[in-house]
Amino acid sequence: MNVEAYAIDSSLNLFSNFTYLLDDPVNGDEFRQVDERRIYGFELSQQWSQGRSRWRVGADGRYDDIDRVGLFRTRARQLVSTVRDDAVREASIGLFASNEFNFSDTLRSYVGVRFDHFNFKVDARSLPENSGKANDSKVSLKGSVIFKPVAPLELYLSLGQGYHSNDARGTTIAIDPVSGDPAARVDPLVASKGGEVGARLFISDKVQATLAAWTLRLDSELLFVGDAGNTEASRPSKRDGVELGLYYFGSEYLSGEVEVSYTRSMFRDHDPVGDNIPGSIPLVISGGVTASNDKGWLATARVRYFGKYPLIEDKSVKSDGSLLVNLRAGREWGRIGAFIDVFNLFDSKDHDVDYFYASRLAGEPPEGVEDIHFHAFQPRGIRVSLRYAL
């Protein structure tokens, strides 16, 4: 029997201003987000083998005791007004079982089933009409078949169901706290389904490769809303992609890898505004190389590239993408290690993230100006660290 449990005490106090003077030309659009919560969770599982089968069954659960989650308008970090101020209780319990069966030395299967149940309770202190309770359950099935026709090659096919949960406050909302208009509630749990077919090639002890093609369908996307600084439930979506990985283990002193993925992300229901998912990155390339010697010296270089991606649904505005290089060098003496990390080695001015929405600076039209808003890479930074292993 495997038993795990955890407890987390979390506190967030964050000030932001995404739109500057668009909504409130006098006080500005600064707002404060507060989140005070305690999280408790557990997992119990038992596994055993029986003939050609290996079984695993278990249960897990989580309880979020959120004393306060709120959004407040502020000016110079001083309270101006309250948008939302809530207490939330969210509990979930899951039951799962899986079976792995070996038909032969070259063929095996995996089948799993999972049941999840969620309960939400919202105490809307600032707007009691938004208080309430909600619950939802999902059954998810997953399965894989793995075939090894020859020793260096393994082929597999996987299919499965899943879900993501929405914000508890959206499951009980009745009135939009900003406009005062009636608001539609969101589903507590949003279903997904996907599949993957792939191959693993063990060329030698030093070289391995993986190739996979996959698809994913979500009943609802979560999109970032710039003028509110949050996410909202959106249209159903589909993602189709292919991933390639190459891994090299030249010796105990040299290793490297490169991973490439390409994804096509679209909304499933057509809309004249466009069907592309804002912020979804089509091309991602990452790689690294590590070298060391028998005296304890080591050096690692890592590269990450994000290709251009759409910022609005019709793809007429795009992010330029980004390229980031980090470096680490150091030496180890038994239990002691000393390292130097150089982040953003070439001091790139590329962006971590880009969004497109309307904001307003002083002197601009009341309706604001639509433009790209971004967070740039941190400038080149150096960190020196020491490590001691007990």
Protein backbone atom coordinates (compact mmCIF):
# COMPACT_ATOMS: atom_id res chain seq x y z
CA MET A 1 0.00 0.00 0.00
CA ASN A 2 1.31 3.42 -0.97
CA VAL A 3 0.09 6.39 1.10
CA GLU A 4 0.81 10.05 0.38
CA ALA A 5 -0.54 13.21 1.98
CA TYR A 6 0.23 16.89 1.74
CA ALA A 7 -0.80 20.28 3.11
CA ILE A 8 -0.14 23.70 1.58
CA ASP A 9 -0.63 27.17 3.04
CA SER A 10 -0.72 29.73 0.22
CA SER A 11 -1.02 33.51 0.22
CA LEU A 12 -1.20 35.83 -2.82
CA ASN A 13 -1.32 39.63 -2.84
CA LEU A 14 -0.78 40.86 -6.41
CA PHE A 15 -1.17 44.34 -7.92
CA SER A 16 -1.57 44.71 -11.71
CA ASN A 17 -2.64 47.21 -14.34
CA PHE A 18 -3.21 45.82 -17.83
CA THR A 19 -5.25 48.65 -19.41
CA TYR A 20 -3.84 51.75 -17.61
CA LEU A 21 -6.58 54.43 -17.98
CA LEU A 22 -9.15 52.68 -20.16
CA ASP A 23 -11.90 51.90 -17.65
CA ASP A 24 -11.23 54.63 -15.06
CA PRO A 25 -9.49 57.74 -16.47
CA VAL A 26 -9.39 59.32 -13.00
CA ASN A 27 -8.05 56.60 -10.72
CA GLY A 28 -6.55 54.34 -13.37
CA ASP A 29 -7.19 50.64 -13.90
CA GLU A 30 -4.86 49.25 -11.23
CA PHE A 31 -6.31 46.29 -9.36
CA ARG A 32 -5.38 43.98 -6.54
CA GLN A 33 -5.85 40.22 -6.47
CA VAL A 34 -6.01 38.44 -3.11
CA ASP A 35 -5.93 34.70 -2.54
CA GLU A 36 -5.64 33.16 0.93
CA ARG A 37 -6.03 29.39 0.97
CA ARG A 38 -5.05 26.14 2.58
CA ILE A 39 -4.89 22.97 0.51
CA TYR A 40 -5.07 19.41 1.82
CA GLY A 41 -4.68 16.29 -0.26
CA PHE A 42 -3.98 12.57 -0.22
CA GLU A 43 -3.47 9.53 -2.43
CA LEU A 44 -3.88 5.86 -1.55
CA SER A 45 -2.92 3.13 -4.01
CA GLN A 46 -2.26 -0.59 -4.09
CA GLN A 47 -0.69 -2.59 -6.89
CA TRP A 48 -0.06 -6.27 -7.43
CA SER A 49 0.79 -8.76 -10.18
CA GLN A 50 -1.30 -11.76 -11.17
CA GLY A 51 -0.10 -13.94 -14.01
CA ARG A 52 0.47 -11.71 -17.02
CA SER A 53 -1.42 -8.83 -15.43
CA ARG A 54 -0.35 -5.99 -13.20
CA TRP A 55 -3.15 -4.18 -11.39
CA ARG A 56 -3.29 -0.82 -9.64
CA VAL A 57 -6.26 0.63 -7.76
CA GLY A 58 -6.57 3.63 -5.53
CA ALA A 59 -8.17 6.88 -4.49
CA ASP A 60 -7.08 10.48 -4.18
CA GLY A 61 -8.65 13.66 -2.95
CA ARG A 62 -8.08 17.36 -2.48
CA TYR A 63 -9.74 20.09 -0.43
CA ASP A 64 -9.18 23.81 -1.05
CA ASP A 65 -10.20 25.93 1.94
CA ILE A 66 -10.12 29.44 0.45
CA ASP A 67 -10.74 32.01 3.17
CA ARG A 68 -10.61 34.89 0.72
CA VAL A 69 -10.30 35.28 -3.03
CA GLY A 70 -10.97 38.76 -4.29
CA LEU A 71 -10.51 41.41 -6.94
CA PHE A 72 -10.31 45.06 -5.88
CA ARG A 73 -9.82 48.32 -7.76
CA THR A 74 -6.94 50.31 -6.32
CA ARG A 75 -4.94 53.47 -6.83
CA ALA A 76 -1.32 53.63 -5.68
CA ARG A 77 -2.11 50.30 -3.94
CA GLN A 78 -4.90 51.90 -1.90
CA LEU A 79 -8.45 50.52 -2.06
CA VAL A 80 -10.87 52.33 -4.36
CA SER A 81 -13.70 49.78 -4.67
CA THR A 82 -14.47 46.07 -4.49
CA VAL A 83 -15.20 44.05 -7.62
CA ARG A 84 -15.47 40.62 -5.96
CA ASP A 85 -14.77 39.35 -2.47
CA ASP A 86 -15.55 35.67 -1.88
CA ALA A 87 -14.87 32.65 0.27
CA VAL A 88 -14.73 29.34 -1.60
CA ARG A 89 -14.68 25.70 -0.58
CA GLU A 90 -13.75 23.17 -3.26
CA ALA A 91 -13.51 19.42 -2.63
CA SER A 92 -12.74 16.59 -5.03
CA ILE A 93 -12.45 12.84 -4.74
CA GLY A 94 -11.17 10.43 -7.35
CA LEU A 95 -11.25 6.63 -7.68
CA PHE A 96 -9.09 4.86 -10.24
CA ALA A 97 -8.11 1.40 -11.47
CA SER A 98 -5.72 0.22 -14.17
CA ASN A 99 -4.53 -3.01 -15.72
CA GLU A 100 -1.40 -3.73 -17.72
CA PHE A 101 -1.49 -7.05 -19.57
CA ASN A 102 1.42 -8.75 -21.35
CA PHE A 103 0.13 -10.86 -24.24
CA SER A 104 3.70 -11.78 -25.24
CA ASP A 105 7.22 -10.41 -25.22
CA THR A 106 6.26 -8.11 -28.12
CA LEU A 107 2.69 -7.05 -27.28
CA ARG A 108 1.16 -5.52 -24.18
CA SER A 109 -1.84 -3.35 -23.31
CA TYR A 110 -2.86 -0.79 -20.71
CA VAL A 111 -6.45 0.02 -19.70
CA GLY A 112 -7.50 2.50 -17.05
CA VAL A 113 -10.69 4.01 -15.68
CA ARG A 114 -11.12 6.95 -13.33
CA PHE A 115 -14.10 8.55 -11.58
CA ASP A 116 -13.90 12.14 -10.30
CA HIS A 117 -16.45 14.09 -8.28
CA PHE A 118 -16.20 17.81 -7.43
CA ASN A 119 -18.17 19.93 -4.96
CA PHE A 120 -18.07 23.74 -5.06
CA LYS A 121 -19.41 26.16 -2.47
CA VAL A 122 -19.14 29.93 -2.96
CA ASP A 123 -19.90 32.55 -0.32
CA ALA A 124 -20.03 35.80 -2.31
CA ARG A 125 -19.57 38.40 0.42
CA SER A 126 -19.58 41.42 -1.88
CA LEU A 127 -22.52 40.28 -4.04
CA PRO A 128 -24.62 37.63 -2.25
CA GLU A 129 -26.57 36.86 -5.45
CA ASN A 130 -23.46 35.05 -6.72
CA SER A 131 -23.37 32.66 -3.77
CA GLY A 132 -24.32 29.05 -4.25
CA LYS A 133 -23.29 25.43 -4.58
CA ALA A 134 -22.43 23.29 -7.58
CA ASN A 135 -21.17 19.77 -8.20
CA ASP A 136 -20.16 17.65 -11.14
CA SER A 137 -18.72 14.22 -11.91
CA LYS A 138 -16.76 12.69 -14.77
CA VAL A 139 -15.80 9.14 -15.74
CA SER A 140 -12.62 8.95 -17.84
CA LEU A 141 -11.44 5.93 -19.82
CA LYS A 142 -7.90 5.44 -21.13
CA GLY A 143 -6.19 2.70 -23.06
CA SER A 144 -2.96 1.90 -24.89
CA VAL A 145 -1.59 -0.89 -27.06
CA ILE A 146 2.20 -1.27 -27.33
CA PHE A 147 3.80 -3.45 -30.01
CA LYS A 148 7.51 -4.25 -30.41
CA PRO A 149 8.00 -5.81 -33.87
CA VAL A 150 11.81 -5.79 -33.62
CA ALA A 151 14.14 -5.19 -30.69
CA PRO A 152 15.08 -1.55 -31.46
CA LEU A 153 11.50 -0.38 -32.31
CA GLU A 154 8.40 0.08 -30.18
CA LEU A 155 5.06 1.26 -31.60
CA TYR A 156 2.07 2.42 -29.57
CA LEU A 157 -1.49 3.70 -29.88
CA SER A 158 -3.21 5.53 -27.01
CA LEU A 159 -6.75 6.88 -26.61
CA GLY A 160 -8.22 8.63 -23.61
CA GLN A 161 -10.72 10.96 -22.01
CA GLY A 162 -10.10 13.74 -19.50
CA TYR A 163 -11.35 17.10 -18.26
CA HIS A 164 -10.37 20.45 -16.82
CA SER A 165 -12.18 22.27 -14.03
CA ASN A 166 -13.45 25.84 -14.24
CA ASP A 167 -13.25 28.53 -11.55
CA ALA A 168 -15.71 27.69 -8.78
CA ARG A 169 -17.06 31.26 -8.83
CA GLY A 170 -18.11 30.82 -12.45
CA THR A 171 -20.24 27.79 -11.54
CA THR A 172 -22.54 29.81 -9.24
CA ILE A 173 -22.42 33.30 -10.80
CA ALA A 174 -25.74 35.05 -11.48
CA ILE A 175 -24.71 38.71 -11.92
CA ASP A 176 -21.63 40.13 -13.62
CA PRO A 177 -19.89 42.08 -10.82
CA VAL A 178 -18.55 44.70 -13.27
CA SER A 179 -21.54 45.44 -15.52
CA GLY A 180 -24.37 44.29 -13.23
CA ASP A 181 -25.90 42.32 -16.11
CA PRO A 182 -27.12 38.73 -15.76
CA ALA A 183 -24.26 36.27 -16.25
CA ALA A 184 -24.27 32.72 -17.56
CA ARG A 185 -22.81 29.99 -15.38
CA VAL A 186 -20.03 27.76 -16.67
CA ASP A 187 -19.86 23.99 -16.43
CA PRO A 188 -17.83 22.87 -13.40
CA LEU A 189 -15.97 20.21 -15.40
CA VAL A 190 -15.20 20.46 -19.11
CA ALA A 191 -14.64 17.20 -21.00
CA SER A 192 -11.73 16.43 -23.30
CA LYS A 193 -10.70 13.49 -25.43
CA GLY A 194 -7.54 12.71 -27.31
CA GLY A 195 -5.37 10.15 -28.98
CA GLU A 196 -1.75 9.54 -29.86
CA VAL A 197 0.15 7.21 -32.17
CA GLY A 198 3.90 7.01 -31.96
CA ALA A 199 7.16 5.15 -32.13
CA ARG A 200 10.23 4.82 -29.93
CA LEU A 201 13.46 3.86 -31.65
CA PHE A 202 16.41 2.60 -29.60
CA ILE A 203 19.08 2.97 -32.28
CA SER A 204 21.83 2.07 -29.82
CA ASP A 205 22.73 2.54 -26.20
CA LYS A 206 23.92 6.01 -27.20
CA VAL A 207 21.14 7.20 -29.53
CA GLN A 208 17.38 7.11 -29.05
CA ALA A 209 14.51 8.79 -30.91
CA THR A 210 10.77 9.29 -30.46
CA LEU A 211 8.08 10.34 -32.93
CA ALA A 212 4.42 10.93 -32.10
CA ALA A 213 1.32 12.34 -33.77
CA TRP A 214 -1.52 13.36 -31.48
CA THR A 215 -4.93 15.00 -31.35
CA LEU A 216 -6.88 16.68 -28.54
CA ARG A 217 -10.47 17.95 -28.36
CA LEU A 218 -11.71 20.28 -25.60
CA ASP A 219 -15.37 21.17 -25.09
CA SER A 220 -14.32 24.66 -23.97
CA GLU A 221 -11.10 26.72 -24.02
CA LEU A 222 -9.88 29.06 -21.28
CA LEU A 223 -8.76 32.40 -22.79
CA PHE A 224 -6.95 35.37 -21.24
CA VAL A 225 -9.00 38.60 -21.02
CA GLY A 226 -6.70 41.62 -20.95
CA ASP A 227 -9.10 44.22 -19.55
CA ALA A 228 -10.06 41.97 -16.65
CA GLY A 229 -6.70 40.32 -16.01
CA ASN A 230 -8.26 36.87 -15.85
CA THR A 231 -9.42 33.94 -17.97
CA GLU A 232 -12.88 33.07 -19.22
CA ALA A 233 -14.50 30.00 -20.68
CA SER A 234 -14.63 30.13 -24.47
CA ARG A 235 -15.39 28.05 -27.55
CA PRO A 236 -14.72 24.32 -28.11
CA SER A 237 -11.34 23.62 -29.66
CA LYS A 238 -9.18 21.07 -31.43
CA ARG A 239 -5.42 20.61 -31.45
CA ASP A 240 -3.44 18.34 -33.74
CA GLY A 241 0.30 17.99 -33.51
CA VAL A 242 3.47 16.06 -34.14
CA GLU A 243 6.51 15.76 -31.85
CA LEU A 244 10.04 14.56 -32.50
CA GLY A 245 12.75 13.88 -29.94
CA LEU A 246 16.40 12.90 -30.47
CA TYR A 247 18.58 11.91 -27.50
CA TYR A 248 22.33 11.28 -27.51
CA PHE A 249 24.34 9.69 -24.72
CA GLY A 250 27.83 9.76 -26.21
CA SER A 251 29.55 8.74 -23.02
CA GLU A 252 29.36 9.40 -19.31
CA TYR A 253 30.94 12.78 -20.11
CA LEU A 254 28.75 13.95 -23.02
CA SER A 255 25.00 13.97 -23.64
CA GLY A 256 22.50 16.05 -25.56
CA GLU A 257 18.96 16.20 -26.84
CA VAL A 258 16.72 18.15 -29.18
CA GLU A 259 12.91 18.18 -29.13
CA VAL A 260 10.67 19.68 -31.82
CA SER A 261 6.90 20.01 -31.71
CA TYR A 262 4.41 21.49 -34.15
CA THR A 263 0.76 22.06 -33.24
CA ARG A 264 -2.23 23.29 -35.21
CA SER A 265 -4.76 24.83 -32.81
CA MET A 266 -8.24 25.89 -33.92
CA PHE A 267 -11.71 26.51 -32.54
CA ARG A 268 -14.18 23.84 -33.67
CA ASP A 269 -17.15 26.16 -34.18
CA HIS A 270 -16.79 28.73 -36.97
CA ASP A 271 -17.05 32.41 -36.09
CA PRO A 272 -16.60 35.39 -38.46
CA VAL A 273 -14.03 36.89 -36.06
CA GLY A 274 -11.73 33.93 -36.79
CA ASP A 275 -11.06 30.38 -35.69
CA ASN A 276 -7.46 30.54 -34.46
CA ILE A 277 -6.79 30.20 -30.71
CA PRO A 278 -4.96 33.33 -29.46
CA GLY A 279 -1.68 32.59 -27.71
CA SER A 280 -1.35 29.04 -29.03
CA ILE A 281 2.25 28.46 -30.19
CA PRO A 282 2.60 26.32 -33.36
CA LEU A 283 6.36 25.60 -33.33
CA VAL A 284 8.50 24.91 -30.26
CA ILE A 285 12.13 23.77 -30.40
CA SER A 286 14.25 23.06 -27.34
CA GLY A 287 17.59 21.41 -26.88
CA GLY A 288 20.66 21.14 -24.75
CA VAL A 289 24.11 19.67 -24.45
CA THR A 290 26.01 18.71 -21.29
CA ALA A 291 29.73 17.99 -21.06
CA SER A 292 31.75 16.91 -18.03
CA ASN A 293 35.02 15.24 -17.10
CA ASP A 294 36.35 12.91 -14.44
CA LYS A 295 37.61 15.83 -12.34
CA GLY A 296 34.08 17.05 -11.61
CA TRP A 297 33.88 19.93 -14.10
CA LEU A 298 30.65 20.28 -16.07
CA ALA A 299 29.03 22.71 -18.51
CA THR A 300 25.49 22.81 -19.88
CA ALA A 301 23.93 24.98 -22.59
CA ARG A 302 20.18 25.04 -23.24
CA VAL A 303 18.22 26.68 -26.07
CA ARG A 304 14.48 27.34 -26.35
CA TYR A 305 12.73 28.70 -29.44
CA PHE A 306 9.06 29.73 -29.76
CA GLY A 307 7.79 30.36 -33.30
CA LYS A 308 5.38 33.11 -34.30
CA TYR A 309 1.85 32.63 -32.94
CA PRO A 310 -1.54 34.37 -33.41
CA LEU A 311 -2.68 36.96 -30.87
CA ILE A 312 -6.24 37.30 -32.20
CA GLU A 313 -8.64 34.86 -33.82
CA ASP A 314 -8.17 35.96 -37.46
CA LYS A 315 -4.37 35.68 -37.20
CA SER A 316 -3.88 39.24 -38.52
CA VAL A 317 -1.73 40.08 -35.46
CA LYS A 318 1.06 37.73 -34.39
CA SER A 319 3.81 37.46 -31.84
CA ASP A 320 7.33 37.54 -33.31
CA GLY A 321 8.35 34.48 -31.33
CA SER A 322 11.42 34.24 -29.11
CA LEU A 323 14.83 32.63 -28.67
CA LEU A 324 16.42 32.11 -25.26
CA VAL A 325 19.83 30.63 -24.35
CA ASN A 326 20.94 29.72 -20.81
CA LEU A 327 24.33 28.44 -19.66
CA ARG A 328 25.59 26.63 -16.55
CA ALA A 329 29.15 25.76 -15.56
CA GLY A 330 30.57 24.40 -12.35
CA ARG A 331 32.47 21.76 -10.48
CA GLU A 332 31.60 19.07 -7.96
CA TRP A 333 33.84 17.72 -5.18
CA GLY A 334 32.03 14.76 -3.69
CA ARG A 335 29.08 16.19 -1.78
CA ILE A 336 29.99 19.81 -2.52
CA GLY A 337 29.20 21.65 -5.75
CA ALA A 338 29.80 25.21 -6.96
CA PHE A 339 27.99 26.57 -10.03
CA ILE A 340 27.60 29.68 -12.15
CA ASP A 341 24.37 30.12 -14.14
CA VAL A 342 24.08 32.71 -16.90
CA PHE A 343 20.45 33.36 -17.81
CA ASN A 344 19.61 34.92 -21.18
CA LEU A 345 23.21 34.51 -22.28
CA PHE A 346 22.96 36.84 -25.31
CA ASP A 347 20.82 39.46 -23.49
CA SER A 348 17.92 38.91 -25.89
CA LYS A 349 15.14 41.53 -25.94
CA ASP A 350 12.57 38.96 -27.10
CA HIS A 351 9.30 38.53 -25.22
CA ASP A 352 8.27 35.91 -22.69
CA VAL A 353 4.62 36.47 -23.62
CA ASP A 354 2.51 38.71 -25.89
CA TYR A 355 -1.15 39.75 -25.75
CA PHE A 356 -3.28 41.94 -28.03
CA TYR A 357 -6.02 44.09 -26.52
CA ALA A 358 -7.08 47.71 -25.99
CA SER A 359 -5.47 49.96 -23.38
CA ARG A 360 -5.34 53.72 -22.86
CA LEU A 361 -2.56 56.11 -21.89
CA ALA A 362 -3.09 59.76 -20.94
CA GLY A 363 -4.04 61.79 -24.01
CA GLU A 364 -5.27 58.80 -26.03
CA PRO A 365 -8.91 58.41 -27.20
CA PRO A 366 -11.47 57.30 -24.58
CA GLU A 367 -11.98 53.98 -26.38
CA GLY A 368 -8.28 53.26 -26.06
CA VAL A 369 -5.84 51.82 -28.58
CA GLU A 370 -5.56 48.17 -29.54
CA ASP A 371 -1.96 47.06 -29.51
CA ILE A 372 0.45 44.31 -28.47
CA HIS A 373 1.24 44.21 -24.75
CA PHE A 374 4.21 42.10 -23.71
CA HIS A 375 6.55 40.97 -20.97
CA ALA A 376 10.15 40.97 -22.15
CA PHE A 377 12.82 38.50 -21.10
CA GLN A 378 14.68 39.39 -17.97
CA PRO A 379 18.04 40.93 -18.97
CA ARG A 380 21.17 38.82 -18.77
CA GLY A 381 21.63 37.61 -15.21
CA ILE A 382 24.31 35.70 -13.33
CA ARG A 383 23.71 33.48 -10.32
CA VAL A 384 26.40 31.83 -8.20
CA SER A 385 25.29 28.88 -6.06
CA LEU A 386 26.77 26.33 -3.69
CA ARG A 387 25.33 22.91 -3.00
CA TYR A 388 25.96 20.42 -0.24
CA ALA A 389 24.42 16.93 -0.31
CA LEU A 390 23.74 15.37 3.08
